[in-house]
N, C-alpha and C. Protein backbone atom coordinates (compact mmCIF):
# COMPACT_ATOMS: atom_id res chain seq x y z
N MET A 1 7.20 -37.86 7.72
CA MET A 1 7.07 -36.81 6.72
C MET A 1 6.69 -35.48 7.38
N ILE A 2 5.87 -35.55 8.42
CA ILE A 2 5.46 -34.31 9.08
C ILE A 2 6.65 -33.63 9.74
N TRP A 3 7.64 -34.41 10.17
CA TRP A 3 8.84 -33.83 10.78
C TRP A 3 9.64 -33.04 9.75
N VAL A 4 9.73 -33.57 8.57
CA VAL A 4 10.47 -32.87 7.51
C VAL A 4 9.80 -31.54 7.19
N ILE A 5 8.50 -31.57 7.08
CA ILE A 5 7.74 -30.35 6.78
C ILE A 5 7.91 -29.34 7.93
N SER A 6 7.83 -29.82 9.15
CA SER A 6 7.99 -28.93 10.30
C SER A 6 9.38 -28.30 10.33
N ILE A 7 10.38 -29.08 10.01
CA ILE A 7 11.75 -28.58 9.99
C ILE A 7 11.92 -27.53 8.90
N ILE A 8 11.37 -27.77 7.72
CA ILE A 8 11.49 -26.81 6.62
C ILE A 8 10.79 -25.49 6.97
N ILE A 9 9.61 -25.57 7.53
CA ILE A 9 8.88 -24.35 7.92
C ILE A 9 9.64 -23.61 9.02
N THR A 10 10.18 -24.34 9.98
CA THR A 10 10.93 -23.73 11.06
C THR A 10 12.17 -23.02 10.53
N ILE A 11 12.88 -23.65 9.61
CA ILE A 11 14.07 -23.04 9.02
C ILE A 11 13.69 -21.78 8.25
N ALA A 12 12.59 -21.82 7.52
CA ALA A 12 12.15 -20.65 6.76
C ALA A 12 11.79 -19.50 7.70
N LEU A 13 11.09 -19.79 8.78
CA LEU A 13 10.72 -18.75 9.73
C LEU A 13 11.93 -18.17 10.44
N ILE A 14 12.89 -19.03 10.79
CA ILE A 14 14.11 -18.55 11.42
C ILE A 14 14.89 -17.66 10.45
N GLY A 15 14.92 -18.06 9.19
CA GLY A 15 15.59 -17.24 8.18
C GLY A 15 14.93 -15.88 8.04
N ALA A 16 13.61 -15.84 8.05
CA ALA A 16 12.89 -14.57 7.97
C ALA A 16 13.19 -13.71 9.19
N LEU A 17 13.26 -14.32 10.35
CA LEU A 17 13.57 -13.59 11.57
C LEU A 17 14.98 -13.02 11.53
N ILE A 18 15.94 -13.80 11.06
CA ILE A 18 17.33 -13.34 10.98
C ILE A 18 17.45 -12.17 10.01
N ILE A 19 16.80 -12.26 8.88
CA ILE A 19 16.87 -11.17 7.91
C ILE A 19 16.19 -9.93 8.46
N SER A 20 15.09 -10.09 9.18
CA SER A 20 14.41 -8.95 9.79
C SER A 20 15.30 -8.28 10.83
N ILE A 21 15.96 -9.07 11.64
CA ILE A 21 16.85 -8.52 12.66
C ILE A 21 18.02 -7.80 11.99
N TYR A 22 18.57 -8.39 10.93
CA TYR A 22 19.66 -7.75 10.20
C TYR A 22 19.24 -6.39 9.66
N THR A 23 18.03 -6.31 9.12
CA THR A 23 17.52 -5.04 8.58
C THR A 23 17.38 -4.01 9.70
N LEU A 24 16.88 -4.43 10.86
CA LEU A 24 16.75 -3.51 11.98
C LEU A 24 18.11 -3.04 12.50
N LYS A 25 19.08 -3.94 12.56
CA LYS A 25 20.43 -3.56 13.01
C LYS A 25 21.04 -2.54 12.05
N LYS A 26 20.81 -2.73 10.77
CA LYS A 26 21.33 -1.79 9.77
C LYS A 26 20.73 -0.40 9.99
N GLU A 27 19.45 -0.34 10.29
CA GLU A 27 18.80 0.94 10.56
C GLU A 27 19.33 1.56 11.85
N GLU A 28 19.62 0.74 12.85
CA GLU A 28 20.16 1.26 14.10
C GLU A 28 21.54 1.86 13.91
N GLN A 29 22.35 1.24 13.05
CA GLN A 29 23.67 1.78 12.78
C GLN A 29 23.59 3.14 12.09
N LYS A 30 22.59 3.31 11.25
CA LYS A 30 22.40 4.60 10.60
C LYS A 30 21.98 5.66 11.62
N ALA A 31 21.34 5.23 12.70
CA ALA A 31 20.80 6.16 13.69
C ALA A 31 21.87 6.74 14.61
N LYS A 32 23.06 6.22 14.60
CA LYS A 32 24.12 6.70 15.48
C LYS A 32 24.73 7.98 14.89
N ALA A 33 24.22 9.10 15.32
CA ALA A 33 24.73 10.39 14.86
C ALA A 33 25.18 11.19 16.08
N SER A 34 26.15 12.08 15.89
CA SER A 34 26.73 12.77 17.04
C SER A 34 26.23 14.20 17.20
N THR A 35 25.76 14.85 16.15
CA THR A 35 25.35 16.24 16.27
C THR A 35 23.87 16.39 15.96
N VAL A 36 23.35 17.55 16.31
CA VAL A 36 21.95 17.84 16.05
C VAL A 36 21.70 17.89 14.54
N GLU A 37 22.63 18.45 13.79
CA GLU A 37 22.49 18.52 12.33
C GLU A 37 22.45 17.13 11.72
N ASP A 38 23.30 16.24 12.25
CA ASP A 38 23.30 14.86 11.77
C ASP A 38 21.98 14.17 12.08
N GLU A 39 21.46 14.44 13.28
CA GLU A 39 20.18 13.86 13.66
C GLU A 39 19.06 14.33 12.74
N LEU A 40 19.04 15.62 12.45
CA LEU A 40 18.02 16.18 11.58
C LEU A 40 18.14 15.61 10.16
N LYS A 41 19.36 15.53 9.67
CA LYS A 41 19.59 14.95 8.34
C LYS A 41 19.14 13.49 8.31
N ARG A 42 19.50 12.75 9.34
CA ARG A 42 19.11 11.34 9.40
C ARG A 42 17.60 11.20 9.49
N SER A 43 16.97 12.06 10.24
CA SER A 43 15.52 12.01 10.37
C SER A 43 14.82 12.24 9.04
N HIS A 44 15.29 13.24 8.30
CA HIS A 44 14.69 13.51 6.98
C HIS A 44 14.94 12.35 6.02
N GLU A 45 16.15 11.80 6.08
CA GLU A 45 16.46 10.66 5.21
C GLU A 45 15.61 9.46 5.58
N TYR A 46 15.43 9.23 6.86
CA TYR A 46 14.62 8.11 7.32
C TYR A 46 13.18 8.26 6.86
N GLU A 47 12.64 9.46 6.96
CA GLU A 47 11.26 9.70 6.54
C GLU A 47 11.06 9.46 5.06
N THR A 48 12.07 9.75 4.25
CA THR A 48 11.91 9.61 2.80
C THR A 48 12.26 8.22 2.29
N LYS A 49 13.21 7.54 2.92
CA LYS A 49 13.70 6.29 2.35
C LYS A 49 13.34 5.04 3.15
N SER A 50 13.06 5.18 4.41
CA SER A 50 12.87 4.01 5.27
C SER A 50 11.70 3.15 4.84
N LEU A 51 10.59 3.78 4.58
CA LEU A 51 9.39 3.02 4.26
C LEU A 51 9.58 2.17 3.03
N THR A 52 10.15 2.75 1.99
CA THR A 52 10.33 1.98 0.75
C THR A 52 11.33 0.84 0.92
N SER A 53 12.44 1.11 1.59
CA SER A 53 13.44 0.04 1.72
C SER A 53 12.98 -1.06 2.66
N ASN A 54 12.37 -0.69 3.79
CA ASN A 54 11.91 -1.72 4.73
C ASN A 54 10.77 -2.54 4.16
N ILE A 55 9.83 -1.89 3.51
CA ILE A 55 8.71 -2.64 2.94
C ILE A 55 9.21 -3.58 1.85
N ARG A 56 10.12 -3.11 1.03
CA ARG A 56 10.66 -3.96 -0.04
C ARG A 56 11.34 -5.19 0.55
N ASN A 57 12.17 -4.99 1.56
CA ASN A 57 12.86 -6.12 2.20
C ASN A 57 11.88 -7.07 2.86
N LEU A 58 10.94 -6.53 3.61
CA LEU A 58 9.99 -7.40 4.30
C LEU A 58 9.07 -8.13 3.33
N LEU A 59 8.70 -7.48 2.22
CA LEU A 59 7.88 -8.17 1.22
C LEU A 59 8.61 -9.37 0.64
N TRP A 60 9.89 -9.22 0.36
CA TRP A 60 10.68 -10.35 -0.14
C TRP A 60 10.75 -11.46 0.90
N ILE A 61 11.01 -11.09 2.13
CA ILE A 61 11.13 -12.09 3.19
C ILE A 61 9.85 -12.89 3.33
N TYR A 62 8.73 -12.20 3.48
CA TYR A 62 7.48 -12.90 3.73
C TYR A 62 6.93 -13.58 2.48
N ALA A 63 7.23 -13.06 1.30
CA ALA A 63 6.82 -13.74 0.08
C ALA A 63 7.52 -15.10 -0.04
N ILE A 64 8.80 -15.11 0.26
CA ILE A 64 9.56 -16.37 0.20
C ILE A 64 9.03 -17.36 1.23
N VAL A 65 8.76 -16.89 2.43
CA VAL A 65 8.24 -17.79 3.48
C VAL A 65 6.87 -18.33 3.09
N ILE A 66 6.00 -17.48 2.56
CA ILE A 66 4.67 -17.94 2.17
C ILE A 66 4.75 -18.94 1.03
N ILE A 67 5.59 -18.66 0.03
CA ILE A 67 5.74 -19.59 -1.10
C ILE A 67 6.27 -20.93 -0.61
N LEU A 68 7.29 -20.89 0.25
CA LEU A 68 7.82 -22.15 0.78
C LEU A 68 6.77 -22.90 1.59
N SER A 69 5.96 -22.18 2.32
CA SER A 69 4.90 -22.83 3.10
C SER A 69 3.89 -23.51 2.19
N PHE A 70 3.51 -22.84 1.08
CA PHE A 70 2.59 -23.47 0.13
C PHE A 70 3.21 -24.69 -0.54
N VAL A 71 4.49 -24.61 -0.85
CA VAL A 71 5.18 -25.76 -1.47
C VAL A 71 5.18 -26.94 -0.50
N VAL A 72 5.51 -26.66 0.75
CA VAL A 72 5.53 -27.73 1.75
C VAL A 72 4.13 -28.29 1.97
N LEU A 73 3.12 -27.44 2.00
CA LEU A 73 1.75 -27.90 2.14
C LEU A 73 1.34 -28.77 0.93
N ALA A 74 1.72 -28.36 -0.27
CA ALA A 74 1.40 -29.15 -1.46
C ALA A 74 2.08 -30.52 -1.40
N ILE A 75 3.33 -30.54 -0.97
CA ILE A 75 4.05 -31.81 -0.84
C ILE A 75 3.34 -32.69 0.20
N TYR A 76 2.95 -32.10 1.28
CA TYR A 76 2.26 -32.85 2.34
C TYR A 76 0.93 -33.42 1.82
N ILE A 77 0.16 -32.61 1.14
CA ILE A 77 -1.13 -33.07 0.61
C ILE A 77 -0.92 -34.16 -0.45
N PHE A 78 0.09 -33.96 -1.31
CA PHE A 78 0.35 -34.93 -2.37
C PHE A 78 0.77 -36.28 -1.79
N LEU A 79 1.56 -36.27 -0.73
CA LEU A 79 2.04 -37.52 -0.14
C LEU A 79 1.06 -38.12 0.86
N LEU A 80 0.00 -37.42 1.20
CA LEU A 80 -0.97 -37.91 2.16
C LEU A 80 -1.78 -38.99 1.59
C-alpha cells in the first residue's frame, strides 16, 4: 500500500513540476523581443500581468498537489 501512495505522490509532484516548467517556457517565449520598444512594452506588461497570472497558476498547481497529498494520507491512515 505504501508503494501505491508513493507512486501517487510522485506523479502529482511530477505533474506540478511539468506545469511549472510549461508556465516558465510560456513566459520565456513572451520575452523574445527584437527592438528596444518591444522590450520596454514587454517589461511594462510583465510588471502588470505576470504576478497575477503566475500566482494564479501556481496556486492551482500546489492546491491540487496538497489536496491529493491529504487524500492519500487519509487513505493510508484509514487502511492502517
